[in-house]
């Protein structure tokens, strides 16, 4: 699973200048930014002044299994999403595999516990057999002339998908705040950690302020 930063716009100073334009003021670009500008950014985040952060944006090329992508796709405010479509693509699907199978949590809202299922090889074999069967069924349908948009119906949620995901850093901060929480599915946390790390590098002051404010 990957989250590769393709492009980004703005910096911490962009946030500062978007806020200061109300007074017709402007801060010079500098790295690191001044303490005064850092205090302003923290003030904006703390008091829910989100619009200055909307002037900074990022675009990621994401790759994850469908069951992770569908969790992330629930986040729509301030974000846009364009995904590979199996209506048009008939390449061999690539599948997600794991060697660790977690037990059900006592609290159903948690999803899974940290305790692993015994005999993981047996679980992996069950999973692999299902994946292999679905993949072969997909290929067989295509070979018989069935269109891609119908044949794709047999493919499992463990299939990898790819998409471009763009939006403001305020929107991505909300994603990371929610999806890095301990009650989020581990696989989703793993891919969101990459988003978090890369945006913290590009917008260090703003990112820490946003994370602390949410």
Protein backbone atom coordinates (compact mmCIF):
# COMPACT_ATOMS: atom_id res chain seq x y z
CA UNK A 1 0.00 0.00 0.00
CA UNK A 2 1.35 3.39 -0.94
CA UNK A 3 0.49 7.08 -0.78
CA UNK A 4 2.87 9.00 -3.04
CA UNK A 5 2.82 12.80 -2.98
CA UNK A 6 2.60 13.82 -6.64
CA UNK A 7 2.17 17.56 -6.30
CA UNK A 8 1.52 20.23 -3.68
CA UNK A 9 0.79 23.94 -3.58
CA UNK A 10 1.69 26.48 -0.93
CA UNK A 11 3.64 26.46 2.31
CA UNK A 12 3.28 27.61 5.90
CA UNK A 13 3.79 31.17 4.67
CA UNK A 14 0.85 30.74 2.29
CA UNK A 15 -1.39 30.14 5.30
CA UNK A 16 0.00 33.19 7.08
CA UNK A 17 -0.48 35.49 4.10
CA UNK A 18 -4.00 34.25 3.47
CA UNK A 19 -4.85 35.28 7.02
CA UNK A 20 -2.96 38.58 6.96
CA UNK A 21 -4.52 39.79 3.71
CA UNK A 22 -7.45 41.06 5.81
CA UNK A 23 -5.07 43.78 7.06
CA UNK A 24 -3.30 44.10 3.71
CA UNK A 25 -0.15 42.62 5.28
CA UNK A 26 2.27 40.05 3.92
CA UNK A 27 5.10 37.96 5.39
CA UNK A 28 8.24 37.20 3.40
CA UNK A 29 9.00 33.62 2.46
CA UNK A 30 11.49 32.16 4.89
CA UNK A 31 12.52 28.76 6.21
CA UNK A 32 11.91 28.28 9.03
CA UNK A 33 9.12 30.79 9.39
CA UNK A 34 9.28 33.40 12.14
CA UNK A 35 7.96 32.75 15.64
CA UNK A 36 5.33 35.41 15.04
CA UNK A 37 4.03 33.60 11.97
CA UNK A 38 4.08 30.26 13.78
CA UNK A 39 1.99 31.74 16.60
CA UNK A 40 -0.52 33.03 14.06
CA UNK A 41 -0.86 29.59 12.46
CA UNK A 42 -1.44 27.97 15.83
CA UNK A 43 -4.01 30.64 16.69
CA UNK A 44 -5.88 30.03 13.43
CA UNK A 45 -6.05 26.27 14.03
CA UNK A 46 -6.97 26.57 17.70
CA UNK A 47 -9.86 28.94 16.99
CA UNK A 48 -11.22 27.02 13.99
CA UNK A 49 -10.26 29.57 11.34
CA UNK A 50 -9.94 26.98 8.56
CA UNK A 51 -10.05 29.08 5.39
CA UNK A 52 -6.35 30.13 5.39
CA UNK A 53 -5.38 26.44 5.39
CA UNK A 54 -7.57 25.91 2.33
CA UNK A 55 -5.03 27.79 0.20
CA UNK A 56 -2.54 24.92 0.60
CA UNK A 57 -3.24 21.67 -1.21
CA UNK A 58 -1.75 18.30 -2.05
CA UNK A 59 -2.25 15.53 -4.59
CA UNK A 60 -1.47 11.88 -3.83
CA UNK A 61 -1.28 8.81 -6.01
CA UNK A 62 -2.81 6.15 -3.79
CA UNK A 63 -2.59 2.38 -4.03
CA UNK A 64 -4.44 0.13 -1.59
CA UNK A 65 -6.85 -2.82 -1.52
CA UNK A 66 -10.49 -1.99 -2.11
CA UNK A 67 -11.50 -2.56 1.52
CA UNK A 68 -9.07 0.20 2.56
CA UNK A 69 -9.97 2.50 -0.34
CA UNK A 70 -13.66 2.36 0.52
CA UNK A 71 -12.96 3.43 4.10
CA UNK A 72 -10.92 6.39 2.90
CA UNK A 73 -13.48 7.27 0.25
CA UNK A 74 -15.94 8.22 2.99
CA UNK A 75 -13.94 11.42 3.44
CA UNK A 76 -15.26 13.79 0.77
CA UNK A 77 -15.37 17.34 2.15
CA UNK A 78 -12.52 19.34 0.60
CA UNK A 79 -11.24 16.34 -1.37
CA UNK A 80 -11.59 14.95 -4.92
CA UNK A 81 -11.02 11.37 -6.04
CA UNK A 82 -10.40 9.77 -9.46
CA UNK A 83 -9.92 6.00 -9.52
CA UNK A 84 -8.90 3.26 -11.94
CA UNK A 85 -12.07 1.79 -13.47
CA UNK A 86 -12.43 -1.90 -14.15
CA UNK A 87 -15.11 -0.98 -16.66
CA UNK A 88 -12.25 -0.25 -19.03
CA UNK A 89 -9.22 -2.06 -17.56
CA UNK A 90 -8.86 -5.83 -17.93
CA UNK A 91 -5.26 -6.29 -16.76
CA UNK A 92 -4.67 -9.14 -14.33
CA UNK A 93 -5.85 -7.89 -10.94
CA UNK A 94 -3.25 -7.63 -8.18
CA UNK A 95 -4.29 -8.86 -4.76
CA UNK A 96 -3.45 -7.93 -1.19
CA UNK A 97 -1.98 -10.67 1.02
CA UNK A 98 -1.07 -10.85 4.68
CA UNK A 99 0.61 -13.35 6.99
CA UNK A 100 -1.07 -11.99 10.12
CA UNK A 101 -4.74 -12.57 10.88
CA UNK A 102 -6.21 -10.71 13.85
CA UNK A 103 -8.95 -11.94 16.16
CA UNK A 104 -12.29 -10.21 16.62
CA UNK A 105 -12.23 -7.55 19.34
CA UNK A 106 -14.44 -7.83 22.41
CA UNK A 107 -15.79 -4.41 21.46
CA UNK A 108 -17.32 -4.77 18.00
CA UNK A 109 -16.75 -1.07 17.31
CA UNK A 110 -13.02 -1.74 17.55
CA UNK A 111 -13.13 -4.16 14.62
CA UNK A 112 -10.20 -6.34 15.61
CA UNK A 113 -7.94 -6.98 18.56
CA UNK A 114 -4.15 -7.07 18.61
CA UNK A 115 -4.27 -10.79 19.32
CA UNK A 116 -3.46 -12.92 16.28
CA UNK A 117 -5.33 -16.01 15.13
CA UNK A 118 -3.48 -19.27 15.66
CA UNK A 119 -2.30 -21.24 12.61
CA UNK A 120 -2.04 -18.23 10.26
CA UNK A 121 -0.90 -20.45 7.38
CA UNK A 122 -4.28 -22.15 7.38
CA UNK A 123 -6.04 -18.77 7.22
CA UNK A 124 -3.71 -17.62 4.45
CA UNK A 125 -4.44 -20.76 2.45
CA UNK A 126 -8.19 -20.26 2.81
CA UNK A 127 -7.81 -16.67 1.66
CA UNK A 128 -5.49 -17.54 -1.24
CA UNK A 129 -7.81 -20.26 -2.52
CA UNK A 130 -10.72 -17.80 -2.58
CA UNK A 131 -8.59 -15.19 -4.34
CA UNK A 132 -7.36 -17.70 -6.93
CA UNK A 133 -10.90 -18.93 -7.61
CA UNK A 134 -12.25 -15.40 -8.09
CA UNK A 135 -9.34 -14.43 -10.35
CA UNK A 136 -9.80 -17.48 -12.54
CA UNK A 137 -13.54 -16.84 -12.77
CA UNK A 138 -12.83 -13.27 -13.87
CA UNK A 139 -10.42 -14.39 -16.57
CA UNK A 140 -12.82 -17.08 -17.73
CA UNK A 141 -15.67 -14.60 -18.11
CA UNK A 142 -13.47 -12.27 -20.14
CA UNK A 143 -12.30 -15.14 -22.35
CA UNK A 144 -15.93 -15.93 -23.15
CA UNK A 145 -16.49 -12.39 -24.35
CA UNK A 146 -18.16 -10.96 -21.25
CA UNK A 147 -17.60 -7.19 -20.93
CA UNK A 148 -15.22 -5.87 -18.30
CA UNK A 149 -17.91 -3.93 -16.45
CA UNK A 150 -19.81 -7.14 -15.67
CA UNK A 151 -16.90 -9.54 -15.25
CA UNK A 152 -15.42 -7.32 -12.53
CA UNK A 153 -18.33 -8.24 -10.25
CA UNK A 154 -16.58 -11.46 -9.19
CA UNK A 155 -13.40 -9.70 -8.03
CA UNK A 156 -12.87 -9.54 -4.24
CA UNK A 157 -12.32 -6.62 -1.88
CA UNK A 158 -8.71 -7.73 -1.49
CA UNK A 159 -7.94 -6.49 -5.03
CA UNK A 160 -5.66 -3.47 -5.24
CA UNK A 161 -7.00 -0.28 -6.73
CA UNK A 162 -5.32 3.05 -7.51
CA UNK A 163 -6.58 6.61 -7.44
CA UNK A 164 -5.54 10.24 -7.41
CA UNK A 165 -6.60 12.01 -4.25
CA UNK A 166 -6.39 15.79 -4.02
CA UNK A 167 -7.53 18.41 -1.57
CA UNK A 168 -6.66 21.04 0.99
CA UNK A 169 -4.32 20.27 3.85
CA UNK A 170 -7.19 21.03 6.23
CA UNK A 171 -9.18 18.20 4.64
CA UNK A 172 -6.26 15.78 4.75
CA UNK A 173 -5.64 16.74 8.38
CA UNK A 174 -9.17 15.58 9.21
CA UNK A 175 -8.52 12.30 7.40
CA UNK A 176 -5.30 11.68 9.31
CA UNK A 177 -6.74 12.68 12.67
CA UNK A 178 -9.58 10.16 12.30
CA UNK A 179 -7.79 7.36 10.49
CA UNK A 180 -4.69 7.32 12.69
CA UNK A 181 -6.83 6.74 15.79
CA UNK A 182 -6.37 3.44 17.59
CA UNK A 183 -9.88 2.22 16.70
CA UNK A 184 -9.23 2.53 12.95
CA UNK A 185 -8.41 -0.59 10.94
CA UNK A 186 -4.67 -1.27 11.01
CA UNK A 187 -4.33 -1.50 7.24
CA UNK A 188 -5.97 1.90 6.85
CA UNK A 189 -3.67 3.39 9.49
CA UNK A 190 -0.66 2.01 7.64
CA UNK A 191 -1.43 3.86 4.40
CA UNK A 192 -2.58 7.07 6.13
CA UNK A 193 0.73 7.21 8.03
CA UNK A 194 2.40 7.91 4.67
CA UNK A 195 0.09 10.87 4.02
CA UNK A 196 0.73 12.21 7.50
CA UNK A 197 4.51 11.93 7.18
CA UNK A 198 4.72 13.66 3.79
CA UNK A 199 2.44 16.56 4.64
CA UNK A 200 4.24 17.16 7.92
CA UNK A 201 7.45 17.51 5.90
CA UNK A 202 5.93 20.05 3.47
CA UNK A 203 3.84 22.05 5.94
CA UNK A 204 5.51 21.43 9.31
CA UNK A 205 4.00 24.27 11.38
CA UNK A 206 0.55 24.17 9.80
CA UNK A 207 0.32 20.41 9.97
CA UNK A 208 1.21 20.19 13.64
CA UNK A 209 -1.22 23.01 14.41
CA UNK A 210 -4.05 21.31 12.54
CA UNK A 211 -3.42 17.97 14.18
CA UNK A 212 -3.38 19.54 17.63
CA UNK A 213 -6.60 21.42 16.99
CA UNK A 214 -8.69 18.43 15.91
